[in-house]
N, C-alpha and C. Protein backbone atom coordinates (compact mmCIF):
# COMPACT_ATOMS: atom_id res chain seq x y z
N UNK A 1 108.81 63.77 98.55
CA UNK A 1 107.87 64.40 99.55
C UNK A 1 107.98 64.14 100.87
N UNK A 2 108.63 63.00 101.12
CA UNK A 2 108.69 62.25 102.31
C UNK A 2 109.95 62.97 103.14
N UNK A 3 110.51 63.75 102.50
CA UNK A 3 111.83 64.17 102.66
C UNK A 3 111.74 65.74 103.32
N UNK A 4 110.69 65.89 102.62
CA UNK A 4 110.30 67.59 103.21
C UNK A 4 110.00 68.04 104.44
N UNK A 5 109.37 66.91 105.16
CA UNK A 5 109.10 67.28 106.33
C UNK A 5 110.21 67.47 107.62
N UNK A 6 110.94 66.17 107.52
CA UNK A 6 111.99 65.99 108.20
C UNK A 6 113.25 67.26 108.07
N UNK A 7 113.28 67.64 106.62
CA UNK A 7 114.22 68.94 106.43
C UNK A 7 113.90 70.18 107.07
N UNK A 8 112.52 70.59 106.88
CA UNK A 8 111.91 71.64 107.39
C UNK A 8 112.11 71.84 109.00
N UNK A 9 111.68 70.59 109.33
CA UNK A 9 112.17 70.33 110.96
C UNK A 9 113.58 70.56 111.49
N UNK A 10 114.30 70.32 110.79
CA UNK A 10 115.46 70.21 111.35
C UNK A 10 116.07 71.78 111.06
N UNK A 11 115.52 72.35 109.92
CA UNK A 11 115.89 73.67 109.68
C UNK A 11 115.33 74.69 110.77
N UNK A 12 113.99 74.51 111.23
CA UNK A 12 113.35 75.42 111.82
C UNK A 12 113.77 75.10 113.53
N UNK A 13 113.92 73.75 113.63
CA UNK A 13 114.82 73.83 115.12
C UNK A 13 116.02 74.27 114.82
N UNK A 14 116.84 74.40 114.05
CA UNK A 14 118.18 74.99 114.13
C UNK A 14 117.92 76.91 114.26
N UNK A 15 117.13 77.17 113.36
CA UNK A 15 116.54 78.93 113.64
C UNK A 15 116.17 79.34 115.06
N UNK A 16 115.42 78.22 115.42
CA UNK A 16 114.99 78.71 116.72
C UNK A 16 116.04 78.48 118.05
N UNK A 17 116.69 77.67 117.64
CA UNK A 17 118.11 77.85 119.12
C UNK A 17 118.72 78.95 118.28
N UNK A 18 119.04 79.22 117.17
CA UNK A 18 120.25 80.23 117.18
C UNK A 18 119.29 81.80 117.57
N UNK A 19 118.34 81.52 117.33
CA UNK A 19 117.41 82.71 117.72
C UNK A 19 117.38 83.20 119.26
N UNK A 20 117.24 81.82 120.13
CA UNK A 20 117.23 81.86 121.43
C UNK A 20 118.58 82.18 121.91
N UNK A 21 119.67 81.58 121.58
CA UNK A 21 120.84 81.91 121.77
C UNK A 21 121.13 83.53 121.71
N UNK A 22 120.88 83.96 120.67
CA UNK A 22 121.10 85.25 120.21
C UNK A 22 120.22 86.37 120.93
N UNK A 23 119.16 85.78 121.62
CA UNK A 23 118.30 86.86 122.72
C UNK A 23 118.92 87.01 123.92
N UNK A 24 119.25 85.74 124.35
CA UNK A 24 120.11 85.35 125.47
C UNK A 24 121.14 86.34 125.77
N UNK A 25 122.04 86.29 124.64
CA UNK A 25 123.46 87.00 124.71
C UNK A 25 123.23 88.37 124.73
N UNK A 26 121.86 88.89 123.97
CA UNK A 26 121.57 90.43 123.84
C UNK A 26 121.43 90.87 124.99
N UNK A 27 120.41 89.96 125.60
CA UNK A 27 119.97 90.34 127.06
C UNK A 27 121.09 90.57 128.09
N UNK A 28 122.07 89.52 128.15
CA UNK A 28 123.07 89.33 129.12
C UNK A 28 124.08 90.65 128.73
N UNK A 29 124.08 91.06 127.69
CA UNK A 29 124.95 92.07 127.45
C UNK A 29 124.35 93.38 127.73
N UNK A 30 123.26 93.38 127.62
CA UNK A 30 122.49 94.74 128.37
C UNK A 30 122.36 94.54 129.43
N UNK A 31 121.93 93.56 130.16
CA UNK A 31 122.11 93.76 131.66
C UNK A 31 123.67 94.21 132.37
N UNK A 32 124.52 93.50 131.95
CA UNK A 32 125.91 93.77 132.16
C UNK A 32 126.13 95.48 132.05
N UNK A 33 125.74 95.76 130.60
CA UNK A 33 126.24 97.30 130.17
C UNK A 33 125.39 98.22 131.61
N UNK A 34 124.00 98.16 132.04
CA UNK A 34 123.43 98.59 132.71
C UNK A 34 123.74 98.88 134.22
N UNK A 35 124.28 97.36 134.69
CA UNK A 35 124.80 97.38 135.68
C UNK A 35 126.49 98.29 135.79
N UNK A 36 127.12 97.91 134.87
CA UNK A 36 128.22 98.88 134.82
C UNK A 36 127.90 100.31 134.91
N UNK A 37 127.15 100.93 134.11
CA UNK A 37 126.70 102.11 133.78
C UNK A 37 126.13 102.66 135.21
N UNK A 38 125.05 102.21 135.87
CA UNK A 38 124.85 102.45 137.27
C UNK A 38 125.68 102.34 138.08
N UNK A 39 126.69 101.31 138.13
CA UNK A 39 127.50 101.31 139.48
C UNK A 39 128.65 102.99 139.03
N UNK A 40 129.11 102.86 137.83
CA UNK A 40 129.87 104.31 137.47
C UNK A 40 129.31 105.45 137.76
N UNK A 41 127.74 105.46 137.58
CA UNK A 41 126.95 106.74 138.06
C UNK A 41 127.30 106.84 139.38
N UNK A 42 126.76 105.79 139.98
CA UNK A 42 126.81 106.07 141.63
C UNK A 42 128.01 106.53 142.06
N UNK A 43 129.32 106.05 141.32
CA UNK A 43 130.33 106.27 142.16
C UNK A 43 130.98 107.90 141.74
N UNK A 44 130.32 108.30 140.84
CA UNK A 44 130.56 109.69 140.41
C UNK A 44 129.77 110.72 141.26
N UNK A 45 128.74 110.37 141.62
CA UNK A 45 127.41 111.09 142.44
C UNK A 45 127.88 111.19 143.67
N UNK A 46 128.53 110.07 144.24
CA UNK A 46 129.16 109.79 145.38
C UNK A 46 130.09 110.87 145.61
N UNK A 47 130.98 111.23 144.95
CA UNK A 47 131.97 112.27 144.78
C UNK A 47 131.55 113.57 145.25
N UNK A 48 130.19 114.10 145.17
CA UNK A 48 129.61 115.41 145.80
C UNK A 48 129.37 115.63 146.66
N UNK A 49 129.82 116.57 147.04
CA UNK A 49 129.54 116.88 148.89
C UNK A 49 128.04 117.48 149.03
N UNK A 50 127.71 118.35 148.12
CA UNK A 50 126.44 118.99 148.54
C UNK A 50 125.62 118.49 146.92
N UNK A 51 124.16 118.93 147.11
CA UNK A 51 123.12 119.14 146.00
C UNK A 51 123.40 120.40 145.23
N UNK A 52 123.83 121.35 145.69
CA UNK A 52 124.49 122.48 144.68
C UNK A 52 125.52 121.84 143.86
N UNK A 53 126.34 121.48 144.34
CA UNK A 53 127.49 120.58 143.04
C UNK A 53 127.12 119.88 142.68
N UNK A 54 125.98 118.84 142.51
CA UNK A 54 125.49 117.96 142.04
C UNK A 54 124.64 118.68 140.49
N UNK A 55 123.98 120.05 140.89
CA UNK A 55 123.49 120.57 140.25
C UNK A 55 124.06 121.45 139.33
N UNK A 56 125.35 121.93 139.85
CA UNK A 56 126.26 122.64 138.83
C UNK A 56 126.93 121.70 137.80
N UNK A 57 127.27 120.50 138.19
CA UNK A 57 127.95 119.56 137.61
C UNK A 57 126.65 119.13 136.00
N UNK A 58 125.42 118.93 136.47
CA UNK A 58 124.67 118.21 135.52
C UNK A 58 124.31 119.45 134.64
N UNK A 59 124.29 120.75 134.98
CA UNK A 59 124.30 121.93 134.19
C UNK A 59 125.44 122.03 133.09
N UNK A 60 126.58 121.50 133.24
CA UNK A 60 127.76 121.61 132.62
C UNK A 60 127.53 120.69 131.24
N UNK A 61 128.53 120.71 130.26
CA UNK A 61 128.13 119.88 129.51
C UNK A 61 128.50 118.37 129.44
N UNK A 62 129.71 118.27 130.49
CA UNK A 62 130.00 116.89 131.09
C UNK A 62 128.59 116.31 131.80
N UNK A 63 127.99 116.84 132.58
CA UNK A 63 126.72 116.51 133.19
C UNK A 63 125.87 116.37 132.30
N UNK A 64 125.65 116.81 131.13
CA UNK A 64 124.71 116.88 130.20
C UNK A 64 124.79 115.28 129.47
N UNK A 65 126.22 115.26 129.18
CA UNK A 65 126.80 114.00 128.58
C UNK A 65 126.49 112.69 129.86
N UNK A 66 126.51 112.73 130.91
CA UNK A 66 126.27 112.02 131.87
C UNK A 66 124.81 111.79 132.09
N UNK A 67 124.03 112.64 132.05
CA UNK A 67 122.58 112.39 132.02
C UNK A 67 121.91 111.51 130.76
N UNK A 68 122.73 111.94 129.31
CA UNK A 68 122.49 111.34 128.56
C UNK A 68 122.74 109.44 128.17
N UNK A 69 123.95 109.37 129.03
CA UNK A 69 124.34 107.85 129.31
C UNK A 69 123.37 107.23 129.91
N UNK A 70 122.53 107.86 130.63
CA UNK A 70 121.73 106.78 131.23
C UNK A 70 120.77 106.03 130.57
N UNK A 71 120.38 106.49 129.22
CA UNK A 71 119.52 105.59 128.34
C UNK A 71 120.91 105.16 127.59
N UNK A 72 121.32 103.71 127.64
CA UNK A 72 122.74 103.20 127.01
C UNK A 72 122.07 102.84 125.66
N UNK A 73 120.69 102.40 125.41
CA UNK A 73 120.27 101.58 124.24
C UNK A 73 119.70 102.67 123.37
N UNK A 74 120.61 103.76 122.85
CA UNK A 74 119.91 104.70 122.21
C UNK A 74 119.44 104.05 120.48
N UNK A 75 118.79 104.63 119.95
CA UNK A 75 118.41 104.23 118.65
C UNK A 75 119.92 104.39 117.68
N UNK A 76 120.32 103.21 116.96
CA UNK A 76 121.49 103.49 116.07
C UNK A 76 121.27 102.66 114.60
N UNK A 77 120.60 103.62 114.14
CA UNK A 77 120.39 103.05 112.12
C UNK A 77 121.32 102.46 111.82
N UNK A 78 122.73 103.05 112.18
CA UNK A 78 123.66 102.09 111.28
C UNK A 78 123.65 100.76 111.46
N UNK A 79 123.51 100.42 112.91
CA UNK A 79 123.60 99.06 112.98
C UNK A 79 122.40 98.28 112.67
N UNK A 80 121.17 99.00 112.70
CA UNK A 80 120.12 98.15 112.05
C UNK A 80 119.98 98.06 110.56
N UNK A 81 120.64 99.09 110.30
CA UNK A 81 120.79 98.77 108.81
C UNK A 81 121.98 97.69 108.42
N UNK A 82 122.84 97.52 108.95
CA UNK A 82 123.99 96.96 108.65
C UNK A 82 123.34 95.30 109.31
N UNK A 83 122.67 95.42 110.45
CA UNK A 83 122.11 93.86 110.66
C UNK A 83 120.83 93.41 109.75
N UNK A 84 120.11 94.36 109.02
CA UNK A 84 119.38 94.02 108.21
C UNK A 84 120.07 93.36 106.88
N UNK A 85 121.16 93.99 106.48
CA UNK A 85 121.62 93.78 105.22
C UNK A 85 122.66 92.10 105.56
N UNK A 86 123.14 92.26 106.39
CA UNK A 86 123.67 90.71 106.80
C UNK A 86 122.82 89.70 106.93
N UNK A 87 121.48 90.08 107.63
CA UNK A 87 120.40 88.89 107.51
C UNK A 87 120.05 88.62 106.10
N UNK A 88 119.83 89.68 105.44
CA UNK A 88 119.28 89.46 104.05
C UNK A 88 120.74 88.62 103.31
N UNK A 89 121.35 89.00 103.36
CA UNK A 89 122.47 88.55 102.42
C UNK A 89 122.87 86.92 102.78
N UNK A 90 122.70 86.64 104.16
CA UNK A 90 122.65 85.23 104.48
C UNK A 90 121.75 84.79 104.02
N UNK A 91 120.37 85.01 104.31
CA UNK A 91 119.35 84.27 103.76
C UNK A 91 118.92 84.49 102.36
N UNK A 92 119.27 85.33 101.74
CA UNK A 92 119.40 85.33 99.92
C UNK A 92 120.42 84.22 99.74
N UNK A 93 121.52 84.33 100.03
CA UNK A 93 122.65 83.14 99.71
C UNK A 93 122.25 81.67 100.16
N UNK A 94 121.85 81.55 101.33
CA UNK A 94 121.15 80.13 101.84
C UNK A 94 120.17 79.79 100.83
N UNK A 95 118.98 80.71 100.40
CA UNK A 95 118.03 80.23 99.59
C UNK A 95 118.55 80.06 98.31
N UNK A 96 119.43 80.85 97.35
CA UNK A 96 120.00 80.43 96.39
C UNK A 96 120.78 79.01 96.35
N UNK A 97 121.45 78.82 97.49
CA UNK A 97 122.11 77.33 97.40
C UNK A 97 121.02 76.60 97.68
N UNK A 98 119.83 76.43 98.13
CA UNK A 98 118.91 75.25 98.29
C UNK A 98 118.37 75.20 96.97
N UNK A 99 118.28 76.45 96.19
CA UNK A 99 117.82 76.22 94.34
C UNK A 99 118.66 75.32 94.15
N UNK A 100 120.16 75.71 94.13
CA UNK A 100 121.12 75.24 93.02
C UNK A 100 121.11 73.57 93.45
N UNK A 101 121.00 73.31 94.92
CA UNK A 101 121.04 71.88 95.34
C UNK A 101 119.70 70.93 94.86
N UNK A 102 118.71 71.81 94.62
CA UNK A 102 117.61 70.99 94.33
C UNK A 102 117.82 69.80 93.29
N UNK A 103 118.43 70.20 92.33
CA UNK A 103 118.92 69.06 91.34
C UNK A 103 119.79 68.13 91.59
N UNK A 104 120.56 68.33 92.98
CA UNK A 104 121.99 67.41 92.83
C UNK A 104 121.30 66.38 93.86
N UNK A 105 120.56 66.46 94.60
CA UNK A 105 120.32 65.23 95.43
C UNK A 105 118.84 64.97 94.86
N UNK A 106 118.73 63.41 95.00
CA UNK A 106 117.49 62.47 94.30
C UNK A 106 116.25 62.81 95.59
N UNK A 107 114.90 62.83 95.27
CA UNK A 107 113.90 62.65 96.07
C UNK A 107 113.94 63.88 97.12
N UNK A 108 114.56 65.04 96.77
CA UNK A 108 114.74 66.36 97.43
C UNK A 108 114.38 67.42 96.81
N UNK A 109 113.86 67.47 95.64
CA UNK A 109 113.64 68.38 94.69
C UNK A 109 112.39 69.55 95.60
N UNK A 110 111.47 68.99 95.59
CA UNK A 110 110.36 70.06 96.84
C UNK A 110 111.03 70.63 97.53
N UNK A 111 111.60 69.77 98.66
CA UNK A 111 112.18 70.26 99.83
C UNK A 111 113.07 71.55 99.34
N UNK A 112 114.04 71.26 98.87
CA UNK A 112 114.97 72.48 98.13
C UNK A 112 114.25 73.68 97.82
N UNK A 113 113.40 73.35 96.80
CA UNK A 113 112.30 74.27 96.24
C UNK A 113 111.67 75.11 97.18
N UNK A 114 111.23 74.70 98.10
CA UNK A 114 110.57 75.36 99.06
C UNK A 114 111.45 75.79 100.03
N UNK A 115 112.52 75.37 100.33
CA UNK A 115 113.60 76.30 101.70
C UNK A 115 114.19 77.53 100.70
N UNK A 116 114.56 77.06 99.36
CA UNK A 116 114.97 78.04 98.66
C UNK A 116 114.10 79.34 98.43
N UNK A 117 113.05 79.01 98.01
CA UNK A 117 112.08 80.04 97.84
C UNK A 117 111.66 81.07 99.13
N UNK A 118 111.76 80.25 100.55
CA UNK A 118 111.36 80.81 101.83
C UNK A 118 112.68 81.68 101.86
N UNK A 119 114.00 81.21 101.71
CA UNK A 119 115.17 81.80 102.09
C UNK A 119 115.41 82.99 101.36
N UNK A 120 115.24 82.86 99.97
CA UNK A 120 115.42 83.86 98.92
C UNK A 120 114.31 85.07 99.42
N UNK A 121 112.91 84.72 99.83
CA UNK A 121 111.85 85.46 99.98
C UNK A 121 112.36 86.58 101.29
N UNK A 122 112.96 85.74 102.15
CA UNK A 122 113.36 86.53 103.66
C UNK A 122 114.46 87.26 103.29
N UNK A 123 115.26 86.59 102.57
CA UNK A 123 116.84 87.48 102.52
C UNK A 123 116.49 88.65 101.46
N UNK A 124 115.52 88.80 100.58
CA UNK A 124 115.16 90.24 99.75
C UNK A 124 114.41 90.81 100.64
N UNK A 125 113.38 90.32 101.71
CA UNK A 125 113.03 91.25 102.46
C UNK A 125 113.67 91.97 103.42
N UNK A 126 114.46 91.35 103.82
CA UNK A 126 115.52 92.08 104.81
C UNK A 126 116.42 92.86 104.29
N UNK A 127 116.87 92.50 102.95
CA UNK A 127 117.72 93.86 102.19
C UNK A 127 116.88 94.97 101.87
N UNK A 128 115.57 94.64 101.49
CA UNK A 128 114.40 95.89 101.08
C UNK A 128 114.25 96.59 102.49
N UNK A 129 114.29 95.83 103.65
CA UNK A 129 114.00 96.42 104.89
C UNK A 129 115.30 97.53 105.22
N UNK A 130 116.56 97.08 104.85
CA UNK A 130 117.46 97.72 105.13
C UNK A 130 117.54 99.08 104.16
N UNK A 131 117.11 98.90 103.08
CA UNK A 131 116.89 100.06 101.95
C UNK A 131 115.82 101.16 102.79
N UNK A 132 114.87 100.41 102.95
CA UNK A 132 113.96 101.46 103.78
C UNK A 132 114.10 102.13 104.89
N UNK A 133 114.88 101.54 106.01
CA UNK A 133 115.52 102.24 107.07
C UNK A 133 116.41 102.93 106.78
N UNK A 134 117.32 103.10 105.68
CA UNK A 134 118.37 103.71 105.69
C UNK A 134 117.69 105.09 104.93
N UNK A 135 116.82 104.90 103.90
CA UNK A 135 116.34 106.05 103.43
C UNK A 135 115.34 106.77 104.61
N UNK A 136 114.62 106.17 105.32
CA UNK A 136 113.64 106.61 106.34
C UNK A 136 114.56 107.47 107.30
N UNK A 137 115.62 106.89 107.92
CA UNK A 137 116.74 107.60 108.42
C UNK A 137 117.45 108.68 108.27
N UNK A 138 117.73 108.45 106.89
CA UNK A 138 118.54 109.61 106.19
C UNK A 138 117.46 110.95 106.23
N UNK A 139 116.22 110.60 106.01
CA UNK A 139 115.23 111.53 105.82
C UNK A 139 114.99 112.30 107.15
N UNK A 140 114.77 111.62 108.05
CA UNK A 140 114.51 112.00 109.57
C UNK A 140 115.97 112.67 110.00
N UNK A 141 117.17 112.54 109.55
CA UNK A 141 118.31 113.24 110.08
C UNK A 141 119.08 112.39 110.93
N UNK A 142 119.07 110.98 110.87
CA UNK A 142 119.56 110.22 111.97
C UNK A 142 120.85 109.55 111.38
N UNK A 143 121.31 109.72 110.17
CA UNK A 143 122.18 109.18 109.42
C UNK A 143 123.06 110.43 109.00
N UNK A 144 124.37 110.18 108.68
CA UNK A 144 125.34 111.19 108.31
C UNK A 144 126.01 112.01 109.43
N UNK A 145 125.70 111.59 110.48
CA UNK A 145 126.15 112.33 111.35
C UNK A 145 125.55 113.38 112.37
N UNK A 146 124.27 113.41 111.87
CA UNK A 146 123.15 114.52 112.17
C UNK A 146 122.72 114.02 113.33
N UNK A 147 122.44 112.72 114.14
CA UNK A 147 122.27 112.47 115.20
C UNK A 147 123.11 112.75 116.51
N UNK A 148 124.47 112.70 116.14
CA UNK A 148 125.25 112.58 117.01
C UNK A 148 125.91 111.32 117.77
N UNK A 149 124.84 110.08 117.24
CA UNK A 149 125.26 108.74 117.79
C UNK A 149 126.18 108.21 117.16
N UNK A 150 127.70 107.97 117.51
CA UNK A 150 128.22 107.33 117.02
C UNK A 150 128.91 106.07 117.47
N UNK A 151 128.72 104.80 117.28
CA UNK A 151 129.14 103.33 117.90
C UNK A 151 130.02 102.69 117.02
């Protein structure tokens, strides 16, 4: 039982550090993308001589596409589904590994059973989330090329 506290603390700290790194990396990527898009759009708008030219351009297919890129973080169900599947598989396998290791190390049975059960529960939850996301996205017409959002 005395092994349970430090093991949970170590795993918890690693998860929190990983989560922070992921959030910072995602935030930096989004900030860079927004800055690049704003710069590109500003340069494009500077090329026009009058407001009538801008209006004609925005009414064209290319102009509509230009306006669509203003929201660079559109919902992409494929990324969300794949992210849930990846996370679910990793957590499920980690949980199964902890359950396998419970009999391998002495005085750590309770800790490995606890971590294994948590890992399996979270992993299966993410996998079920991926299935639910896919089913809902398909029902709402967001998958199979119907949304027009390809990444």
